[in-house]
């Protein structure tokens, strides 16, 4: 496993242990409920510990049908949560105002903290993606789904726990992605508006202002210290070189990429970097609301 994948599994195990302790001390639960919930957590912990022994979980390079990607993911599907959809539709029809209601411009990374040893930590914003911090977010299946993209796609993980079979999960992911792309087609500036919200500085680290935008910039590097950028098709920002990027090109490159994503979806052949692109575009869309719209169309 990569360091990112190991950390993801470790975090899920810690969260499951915390939940197990909370249940044991919950005076509002009956002994029968405590027993049932504890047994479920113990099963999840067993699966998470088994996942920790596996090798690199990343999807191999090359194009893949969506259903094959979801078949790779290990773990039972938890059904008792508000995002579960029994039979996802192939598509949903939304008017322009319906698409605009789905736009979101919340910082994705928050709560920056500088530790005594000089490192910085941050969290994913629970207001933007609440499911990451809910019970499903530390389930074995959600954790393994995130590790398929080296902890790079919460949307893939959400769909992996939000319908029963790999075919239905693939259909849900495609339907959600279709709407996400339509949101950005309707308003090409939605990404710029979202990016502006990422730039509110929250801390200072080694002379640099740390913000959500800072984390996205760092994540475009294979090695930030040596200033080695990812391959071009894995970068999320329009870099001119390893130090600067041209903000004016942000909308341009992503409108071009949206066309490529449309083609890949229509052919049902997605590369791993396509999932990274879709994840980035999804950050400026209200995903919990989108799930509810799919379940109960306007």
Protein backbone atom coordinates (compact mmCIF):
# COMPACT_ATOMS: atom_id res chain seq x y z
CA UNK A 1 0.00 0.00 0.00
CA UNK A 2 1.05 3.58 -0.54
CA UNK A 3 1.52 5.85 2.48
CA UNK A 4 -1.76 7.61 1.60
CA UNK A 5 -3.67 4.32 1.49
CA UNK A 6 -2.18 3.10 4.78
CA UNK A 7 -3.09 6.38 6.48
CA UNK A 8 -6.65 6.16 5.14
CA UNK A 9 -7.15 2.64 6.56
CA UNK A 10 -5.53 3.61 9.88
CA UNK A 11 -7.85 6.61 10.19
CA UNK A 12 -10.92 4.43 9.52
CA UNK A 13 -9.81 1.90 12.16
CA UNK A 14 -9.38 4.70 14.71
CA UNK A 15 -12.83 6.11 13.88
CA UNK A 16 -14.43 2.65 14.20
CA UNK A 17 -12.78 2.15 17.61
CA UNK A 18 -14.07 5.54 18.75
CA UNK A 19 -17.57 4.62 17.60
CA UNK A 20 -17.36 1.27 19.40
CA UNK A 21 -16.44 3.05 22.65
CA UNK A 22 -19.22 5.59 22.16
CA UNK A 23 -21.81 2.83 21.71
CA UNK A 24 -20.60 0.99 24.83
CA UNK A 25 -21.20 4.16 26.89
CA UNK A 26 -24.46 5.25 25.26
CA UNK A 27 -27.13 5.07 27.96
CA UNK A 28 -29.88 5.62 25.37
CA UNK A 29 -29.22 2.32 23.60
CA UNK A 30 -30.68 -0.98 24.72
CA UNK A 31 -28.33 -3.88 25.37
CA UNK A 32 -29.67 -5.56 22.25
CA UNK A 33 -28.91 -2.48 20.12
CA UNK A 34 -25.45 -2.19 21.64
CA UNK A 35 -24.75 -5.85 20.84
CA UNK A 36 -25.92 -5.50 17.22
CA UNK A 37 -23.99 -2.31 16.56
CA UNK A 38 -20.87 -3.65 18.27
CA UNK A 39 -20.96 -6.80 16.16
CA UNK A 40 -21.23 -4.69 12.98
CA UNK A 41 -18.25 -2.59 14.03
CA UNK A 42 -16.20 -5.66 14.89
CA UNK A 43 -16.96 -7.01 11.41
CA UNK A 44 -15.87 -3.70 9.88
CA UNK A 45 -12.68 -3.68 11.95
CA UNK A 46 -11.89 -7.20 10.79
CA UNK A 47 -12.36 -6.13 7.15
CA UNK A 48 -10.28 -2.97 7.63
CA UNK A 49 -7.43 -4.91 9.20
CA UNK A 50 -7.56 -7.35 6.28
CA UNK A 51 -7.45 -4.43 3.82
CA UNK A 52 -4.37 -3.09 5.61
CA UNK A 53 -2.51 -6.25 4.63
CA UNK A 54 -3.15 -5.83 0.91
CA UNK A 55 -0.83 -4.24 -1.61
CA UNK A 56 -1.32 -1.08 -3.64
CA UNK A 57 -5.05 -0.68 -4.32
CA UNK A 58 -4.79 1.89 -7.10
CA UNK A 59 -6.71 1.23 -10.32
CA UNK A 60 -4.20 0.17 -13.01
CA UNK A 61 -3.38 2.63 -15.79
CA UNK A 62 -5.45 2.26 -18.92
CA UNK A 63 -9.14 2.66 -19.68
CA UNK A 64 -11.77 0.73 -17.74
CA UNK A 65 -15.57 0.29 -17.83
CA UNK A 66 -17.12 1.87 -14.74
CA UNK A 67 -18.71 -1.38 -13.56
CA UNK A 68 -15.27 -3.06 -13.60
CA UNK A 69 -13.88 -0.28 -11.43
CA UNK A 70 -16.62 -0.80 -8.85
CA UNK A 71 -16.16 -4.59 -8.94
CA UNK A 72 -12.62 -4.07 -7.64
CA UNK A 73 -13.88 -2.52 -4.41
CA UNK A 74 -14.03 -4.72 -1.30
CA UNK A 75 -16.53 -4.57 1.55
CA UNK A 76 -20.23 -4.87 2.23
CA UNK A 77 -22.56 -2.08 1.13
CA UNK A 78 -24.12 -0.29 4.13
CA UNK A 79 -27.75 0.44 3.27
CA UNK A 80 -28.95 2.46 6.28
CA UNK A 81 -27.80 5.94 5.33
CA UNK A 82 -29.45 8.94 3.57
CA UNK A 83 -27.45 8.61 0.34
CA UNK A 84 -28.52 5.07 -0.54
CA UNK A 85 -30.48 4.72 -3.80
CA UNK A 86 -32.08 1.36 -4.60
CA UNK A 87 -32.37 1.89 -8.36
CA UNK A 88 -30.33 4.84 -9.70
CA UNK A 89 -31.71 6.33 -12.94
CA UNK A 90 -29.66 6.42 -16.13
CA UNK A 91 -30.04 10.19 -16.16
CA UNK A 92 -32.12 12.98 -14.66
CA UNK A 93 -33.62 16.03 -16.31
CA UNK A 94 -32.89 19.40 -14.70
CA UNK A 95 -33.74 22.89 -15.91
CA UNK A 96 -31.10 25.63 -15.83
CA UNK A 97 -32.26 26.96 -12.47
CA UNK A 98 -32.12 23.42 -11.08
CA UNK A 99 -28.49 23.15 -12.16
CA UNK A 100 -27.62 26.54 -10.66
CA UNK A 101 -29.01 25.45 -7.28
CA UNK A 102 -26.41 22.69 -7.22
CA UNK A 103 -23.43 25.05 -7.45
CA UNK A 104 -21.27 25.25 -4.33
CA UNK A 105 -18.34 27.46 -3.36
CA UNK A 106 -17.14 26.22 0.01
CA UNK A 107 -13.46 25.76 0.97
CA UNK A 108 -12.67 22.07 0.58
CA UNK A 109 -9.85 21.92 3.16
CA UNK A 110 -10.20 23.61 6.55
CA UNK A 111 -8.97 23.62 10.17
CA UNK A 112 -5.27 24.06 9.45
CA UNK A 113 -2.97 23.44 12.37
CA UNK A 114 0.79 23.78 12.72
CA UNK A 115 2.20 21.08 15.01
CA UNK A 116 5.16 21.63 17.38
CA UNK A 117 7.40 19.61 15.04
CA UNK A 118 6.67 22.06 12.19
CA UNK A 119 4.21 19.96 10.20
CA UNK A 120 0.74 21.08 9.24
CA UNK A 121 -2.51 19.19 9.37
CA UNK A 122 -5.89 19.93 7.88
CA UNK A 123 -9.32 18.37 7.45
CA UNK A 124 -11.77 17.92 4.64
CA UNK A 125 -14.64 20.37 5.15
CA UNK A 126 -17.63 18.55 6.61
CA UNK A 127 -19.93 21.30 5.35
CA UNK A 128 -18.86 20.53 1.79
CA UNK A 129 -18.73 16.72 1.95
CA UNK A 130 -20.48 15.64 5.17
CA UNK A 131 -20.55 11.95 4.17
CA UNK A 132 -16.77 11.74 4.73
CA UNK A 133 -17.35 12.38 8.44
CA UNK A 134 -20.46 10.23 8.78
CA UNK A 135 -20.53 6.53 9.61
CA UNK A 136 -20.30 5.43 5.98
CA UNK A 137 -17.12 7.52 5.60
CA UNK A 138 -15.07 5.11 7.70
CA UNK A 139 -16.69 1.88 6.51
CA UNK A 140 -14.38 -0.69 4.86
CA UNK A 141 -16.00 -0.27 1.44
CA UNK A 142 -15.78 3.54 1.46
CA UNK A 143 -12.15 3.32 2.61
CA UNK A 144 -11.18 0.81 -0.06
CA UNK A 145 -13.01 2.81 -2.73
CA UNK A 146 -11.01 5.91 -1.82
CA UNK A 147 -7.82 3.87 -1.95
CA UNK A 148 -8.62 2.84 -5.54
CA UNK A 149 -7.64 6.42 -6.45
CA UNK A 150 -4.96 6.78 -3.76
CA UNK A 151 -7.44 8.72 -1.58
CA UNK A 152 -8.24 11.00 -4.51
CA UNK A 153 -11.99 10.50 -5.05
CA UNK A 154 -14.67 10.78 -2.40
CA UNK A 155 -17.32 10.77 -5.13
CA UNK A 156 -16.28 7.29 -6.26
CA UNK A 157 -16.39 6.15 -2.63
CA UNK A 158 -19.81 7.69 -2.07
CA UNK A 159 -21.26 5.86 -5.07
CA UNK A 160 -19.60 2.61 -3.94
CA UNK A 161 -21.69 2.63 -0.76
CA UNK A 162 -24.86 4.18 -2.16
CA UNK A 163 -26.33 1.37 -4.26
CA UNK A 164 -26.21 -2.40 -3.97
CA UNK A 165 -24.40 -3.80 -7.01
CA UNK A 166 -21.35 -2.70 -9.00
CA UNK A 167 -23.60 -2.09 -12.03
CA UNK A 168 -25.94 0.16 -10.03
CA UNK A 169 -22.99 1.96 -8.43
CA UNK A 170 -21.51 2.58 -11.87
CA UNK A 171 -24.86 3.92 -13.08
CA UNK A 172 -25.11 6.25 -10.08
CA UNK A 173 -21.57 7.53 -10.64
CA UNK A 174 -22.28 8.16 -14.32
CA UNK A 175 -25.57 9.94 -13.54
CA UNK A 176 -23.93 12.14 -10.90
CA UNK A 177 -21.01 12.91 -13.21
CA UNK A 178 -23.38 13.82 -16.03
CA UNK A 179 -25.07 16.40 -13.80
CA UNK A 180 -21.71 17.71 -12.54
CA UNK A 181 -20.57 18.28 -16.13
CA UNK A 182 -23.87 19.97 -16.98
CA UNK A 183 -23.48 22.34 -14.01
CA UNK A 184 -20.11 23.44 -15.40
CA UNK A 185 -21.40 23.69 -18.94
CA UNK A 186 -24.26 25.91 -17.82
CA UNK A 187 -21.90 28.15 -15.88
CA UNK A 188 -18.24 27.90 -16.98
CA UNK A 189 -17.35 30.44 -14.25
CA UNK A 190 -18.56 28.14 -11.46
CA UNK A 191 -15.06 26.71 -11.11
CA UNK A 192 -13.48 30.17 -10.88
CA UNK A 193 -15.98 31.21 -8.20
CA UNK A 194 -15.20 28.03 -6.25
CA UNK A 195 -11.44 28.57 -6.64
CA UNK A 196 -11.72 32.07 -5.17
CA UNK A 197 -13.29 30.51 -2.07
CA UNK A 198 -10.27 28.21 -1.70
CA UNK A 199 -7.86 31.09 -1.27
CA UNK A 200 -8.84 32.40 2.15
CA UNK A 201 -5.62 31.99 4.19
CA UNK A 202 -6.01 30.24 7.54
CA UNK A 203 -2.43 29.81 8.76
CA UNK A 204 1.22 30.48 7.94
CA UNK A 205 3.66 27.65 7.31
CA UNK A 206 7.33 28.18 6.45
CA UNK A 207 6.53 31.70 5.25
CA UNK A 208 3.63 30.56 3.04
CA UNK A 209 -0.05 31.33 3.55
CA UNK A 210 -1.86 28.04 3.99
CA UNK A 211 -5.32 27.76 2.53
CA UNK A 212 -7.42 25.20 0.74
CA UNK A 213 -5.88 26.51 -2.51
CA UNK A 214 -2.39 25.85 -1.08
CA UNK A 215 -3.24 22.18 -0.50
CA UNK A 216 -4.58 21.79 -4.05
CA UNK A 217 -1.36 23.32 -5.39
CA UNK A 218 0.81 20.98 -3.32
CA UNK A 219 -1.24 17.97 -4.46
CA UNK A 220 -0.35 18.74 -8.07
CA UNK A 221 3.25 17.73 -7.30
CA UNK A 222 4.84 14.30 -7.12
CA UNK A 223 7.56 15.90 -4.99
CA UNK A 224 6.84 19.46 -3.76
CA UNK A 225 10.32 19.81 -2.22
CA UNK A 226 12.08 19.04 -5.50
CA UNK A 227 9.32 20.88 -7.42
CA UNK A 228 8.47 17.86 -9.56
CA UNK A 229 4.96 18.23 -10.99
CA UNK A 230 2.62 15.35 -11.74
CA UNK A 231 2.20 14.38 -15.40
CA UNK A 232 0.16 17.03 -17.20
CA UNK A 233 -3.03 14.96 -17.40
CA UNK A 234 -2.98 14.49 -13.60
CA UNK A 235 -2.58 18.18 -12.77
CA UNK A 236 -5.65 20.09 -11.68
CA UNK A 237 -4.28 23.60 -12.17
CA UNK A 238 -2.93 25.34 -15.32
CA UNK A 239 0.76 25.43 -14.42
CA UNK A 240 3.15 27.56 -16.51
CA UNK A 241 6.12 26.01 -14.70
CA UNK A 242 6.76 24.43 -11.29
CA UNK A 243 6.33 27.77 -9.50
CA UNK A 244 3.43 29.56 -11.19
CA UNK A 245 0.20 28.83 -13.00
CA UNK A 246 -2.00 30.94 -15.20
CA UNK A 247 -5.30 31.41 -13.40
CA UNK A 248 -6.88 32.84 -16.57
CA UNK A 249 -6.50 29.42 -18.20
CA UNK A 250 -8.40 27.57 -15.46
CA UNK A 251 -11.76 27.71 -17.22
CA UNK A 252 -10.19 27.07 -20.63
CA UNK A 253 -8.44 23.83 -19.70
CA UNK A 254 -11.43 22.50 -17.80
CA UNK A 255 -13.93 23.18 -20.55
CA UNK A 256 -11.61 21.20 -22.85
CA UNK A 257 -11.37 18.40 -20.30
CA UNK A 258 -15.15 18.29 -19.90
CA UNK A 259 -15.41 17.41 -23.60
CA UNK A 260 -12.94 14.54 -23.09
CA UNK A 261 -14.88 13.34 -20.06
CA UNK A 262 -18.12 13.37 -22.07
CA UNK A 263 -16.48 11.15 -24.68
CA UNK A 264 -15.03 8.76 -22.07
CA UNK A 265 -18.41 8.43 -20.33
CA UNK A 266 -20.24 7.79 -23.60
CA UNK A 267 -17.77 5.01 -24.44
CA UNK A 268 -17.70 3.74 -20.84
CA UNK A 269 -13.89 3.73 -20.87
CA UNK A 270 -12.38 5.85 -18.09
CA UNK A 271 -8.72 6.33 -17.24
CA UNK A 272 -7.67 6.77 -13.58
CA UNK A 273 -6.87 10.43 -14.26
CA UNK A 274 -10.45 10.92 -15.49
CA UNK A 275 -11.65 10.02 -11.99
CA UNK A 276 -9.30 12.68 -10.59
CA UNK A 277 -10.75 15.25 -13.01
CA UNK A 278 -14.33 14.35 -12.11
CA UNK A 279 -13.52 14.59 -8.41
CA UNK A 280 -12.09 18.10 -8.86
CA UNK A 281 -15.16 19.27 -10.75
CA UNK A 282 -17.43 17.72 -8.13
CA UNK A 283 -15.99 19.97 -5.40
CA UNK A 284 -17.95 22.92 -6.79
CA UNK A 285 -21.21 20.93 -6.75
CA UNK A 286 -23.37 20.22 -3.70
CA UNK A 287 -23.18 16.41 -3.73
CA UNK A 288 -25.59 15.68 -0.85
CA UNK A 289 -28.18 17.87 -2.55
CA UNK A 290 -27.50 16.15 -5.87
CA UNK A 291 -28.16 12.75 -4.26
CA UNK A 292 -31.47 14.06 -2.91
CA UNK A 293 -32.40 15.47 -6.33
CA UNK A 294 -31.71 12.06 -7.91
CA UNK A 295 -33.91 10.41 -5.29
CA UNK A 296 -36.63 13.08 -5.54
CA UNK A 297 -36.33 15.03 -8.82
CA UNK A 298 -37.66 18.61 -8.90
